[in-house]
Amino acid sequence: MEGITNFFNFNILITPYIIGFIYITGAVVVPFIVVYYFKQYRLHINSSKYRLYLFVAFVVLEIFWRIFCEFFMVYFKIFLALQ
């Protein structure tokens, strides 16, 4: 019963667990977003130059997505350490 009380009093945070799921989901979705925007602007993915751009865009977006999720994880770990 104490676990339920802690949950409803916000003594237990569920967001750090959810962020892991959000990170994995976003890491899978990012390549599709990159390809969508390349096709949206009618860039020919068959060209080796645009394949390089596609690869660079993918790597940069994956790194930024990781940094974004890590920011929130660190925020919640600091909160938990201060308790």
C-alpha atoms as a PDB file:
ATOM      1  CA  MET A   1       0.000   0.000   0.000  1.00  0.00           C
ATOM      2  CA  GLU A   2       2.942   2.309   0.644  1.00  0.00           C
ATOM      3  CA  GLY A   3       4.000   2.098  -3.014  1.00  0.00           C
ATOM      4  CA  ILE A   4       0.622   3.357  -4.201  1.00  0.00           C
ATOM      5  CA  THR A   5       0.707   6.194  -1.672  1.00  0.00           C
ATOM      6  CA  ASN A   6       4.200   7.190  -2.818  1.00  0.00           C
ATOM      7  CA  PHE A   7       3.053   7.074  -6.433  1.00  0.00           C
ATOM      8  CA  PHE A   8       0.096   9.380  -5.871  1.00  0.00           C
ATOM      9  CA  ASN A   9       2.143  11.750  -3.684  1.00  0.00           C
ATOM     10  CA  PHE A  10       4.751  12.015  -6.466  1.00  0.00           C
ATOM     11  CA  ASN A  11       7.481  10.514  -4.289  1.00  0.00           C
ATOM     12  CA  ILE A  12       8.109   7.974  -7.051  1.00  0.00           C
ATOM     13  CA  LEU A  13       8.761   9.353 -10.537  1.00  0.00           C
ATOM     14  CA  ILE A  14       7.840   7.310 -13.597  1.00  0.00           C
ATOM     15  CA  THR A  15       9.158   9.754 -16.178  1.00  0.00           C
ATOM     16  CA  PRO A  16      12.781   8.499 -16.101  1.00  0.00           C
ATOM     17  CA  TYR A  17      11.497   5.068 -17.154  1.00  0.00           C
ATOM     18  CA  ILE A  18       9.336   6.530 -19.869  1.00  0.00           C
ATOM     19  CA  ILE A  19      12.233   8.586 -21.281  1.00  0.00           C
ATOM     20  CA  GLY A  20      14.094   5.366 -22.150  1.00  0.00           C
ATOM     21  CA  PHE A  21      11.122   4.216 -24.203  1.00  0.00           C
ATOM     22  CA  ILE A  22      10.788   7.631 -25.843  1.00  0.00           C
ATOM     23  CA  TYR A  23      14.489   7.601 -26.758  1.00  0.00           C
ATOM     24  CA  ILE A  24      14.265   4.215 -28.471  1.00  0.00           C
ATOM     25  CA  THR A  25      11.092   5.225 -30.309  1.00  0.00           C
ATOM     26  CA  GLY A  26      12.664   8.476 -31.478  1.00  0.00           C
ATOM     27  CA  ALA A  27      15.879   6.744 -32.547  1.00  0.00           C
ATOM     28  CA  VAL A  28      13.824   4.474 -34.803  1.00  0.00           C
ATOM     29  CA  VAL A  29      11.675   7.321 -36.175  1.00  0.00           C
ATOM     30  CA  VAL A  30      14.539   9.755 -36.956  1.00  0.00           C
ATOM     31  CA  PRO A  31      15.714   7.917 -40.120  1.00  0.00           C
ATOM     32  CA  PHE A  32      12.189   8.008 -41.510  1.00  0.00           C
ATOM     33  CA  ILE A  33      11.978  11.746 -40.827  1.00  0.00           C
ATOM     34  CA  VAL A  34      15.282  12.343 -42.617  1.00  0.00           C
ATOM     35  CA  VAL A  35      14.181  10.361 -45.678  1.00  0.00           C
ATOM     36  CA  TYR A  36      10.788  12.098 -45.672  1.00  0.00           C
ATOM     37  CA  TYR A  37      12.356  15.563 -45.784  1.00  0.00           C
ATOM     38  CA  PHE A  38      14.801  14.539 -48.484  1.00  0.00           C
ATOM     39  CA  LYS A  39      11.876  13.326 -50.586  1.00  0.00           C
ATOM     40  CA  GLN A  40       9.780  16.376 -49.661  1.00  0.00           C
ATOM     41  CA  TYR A  41      12.378  18.672 -51.210  1.00  0.00           C
ATOM     42  CA  ARG A  42      12.782  16.306 -54.161  1.00  0.00           C
ATOM     43  CA  LEU A  43      16.425  15.554 -53.459  1.00  0.00           C
ATOM     44  CA  HIS A  44      17.540  12.488 -55.366  1.00  0.00           C
ATOM     45  CA  ILE A  45      18.716   9.913 -52.883  1.00  0.00           C
ATOM     46  CA  ASN A  46      20.303   7.944 -55.744  1.00  0.00           C
ATOM     47  CA  SER A  47      23.037  10.556 -56.068  1.00  0.00           C
ATOM     48  CA  SER A  48      26.135   9.817 -53.992  1.00  0.00           C
ATOM     49  CA  LYS A  49      26.303  13.461 -52.865  1.00  0.00           C
ATOM     50  CA  TYR A  50      22.802  13.315 -51.411  1.00  0.00           C
ATOM     51  CA  ARG A  51      23.482   9.931 -49.826  1.00  0.00           C
ATOM     52  CA  LEU A  52      26.345  11.571 -47.972  1.00  0.00           C
ATOM     53  CA  TYR A  53      24.023  14.407 -46.896  1.00  0.00           C
ATOM     54  CA  LEU A  54      21.457  11.832 -45.817  1.00  0.00           C
ATOM     55  CA  PHE A  55      24.021  10.006 -43.718  1.00  0.00           C
ATOM     56  CA  VAL A  56      25.310  13.217 -42.107  1.00  0.00           C
ATOM     57  CA  ALA A  57      21.770  14.408 -41.363  1.00  0.00           C
ATOM     58  CA  PHE A  58      20.961  11.034 -39.824  1.00  0.00           C
ATOM     59  CA  VAL A  59      24.056  11.047 -37.582  1.00  0.00           C
ATOM     60  CA  VAL A  60      23.553  14.658 -36.480  1.00  0.00           C
ATOM     61  CA  LEU A  61      19.864  14.129 -35.686  1.00  0.00           C
ATOM     62  CA  GLU A  62      20.584  10.927 -33.754  1.00  0.00           C
ATOM     63  CA  ILE A  63      23.226  12.748 -31.680  1.00  0.00           C
ATOM     64  CA  PHE A  64      20.885  15.657 -30.950  1.00  0.00           C
ATOM     65  CA  TRP A  65      18.082  13.239 -30.043  1.00  0.00           C
ATOM     66  CA  ARG A  66      20.429  11.435 -27.641  1.00  0.00           C
ATOM     67  CA  ILE A  67      21.540  14.732 -26.069  1.00  0.00           C
ATOM     68  CA  PHE A  68      17.910  15.835 -25.700  1.00  0.00           C
ATOM     69  CA  CYS A  69      16.942  12.637 -23.890  1.00  0.00           C
ATOM     70  CA  GLU A  70      20.115  12.628 -21.776  1.00  0.00           C
ATOM     71  CA  PHE A  71      19.314  16.161 -20.611  1.00  0.00           C
ATOM     72  CA  PHE A  72      16.040  14.975 -19.135  1.00  0.00           C
ATOM     73  CA  MET A  73      17.609  11.859 -17.632  1.00  0.00           C
ATOM     74  CA  VAL A  74      20.275  13.950 -15.898  1.00  0.00           C
ATOM     75  CA  TYR A  75      17.610  16.356 -14.687  1.00  0.00           C
ATOM     76  CA  PHE A  76      15.648  13.555 -13.059  1.00  0.00           C
ATOM     77  CA  LYS A  77      18.776  11.900 -11.628  1.00  0.00           C
ATOM     78  CA  ILE A  78      19.729  15.193 -10.004  1.00  0.00           C
ATOM     79  CA  PHE A  79      16.229  15.411  -8.564  1.00  0.00           C
ATOM     80  CA  LEU A  80      16.475  11.870  -7.206  1.00  0.00           C
ATOM     81  CA  ALA A  81      19.937  12.561  -5.720  1.00  0.00           C
ATOM     82  CA  LEU A  82      18.619  15.621  -3.909  1.00  0.00           C
ATOM     83  CA  GLN A  83      15.848  13.649  -2.231  1.00  0.00           C
END
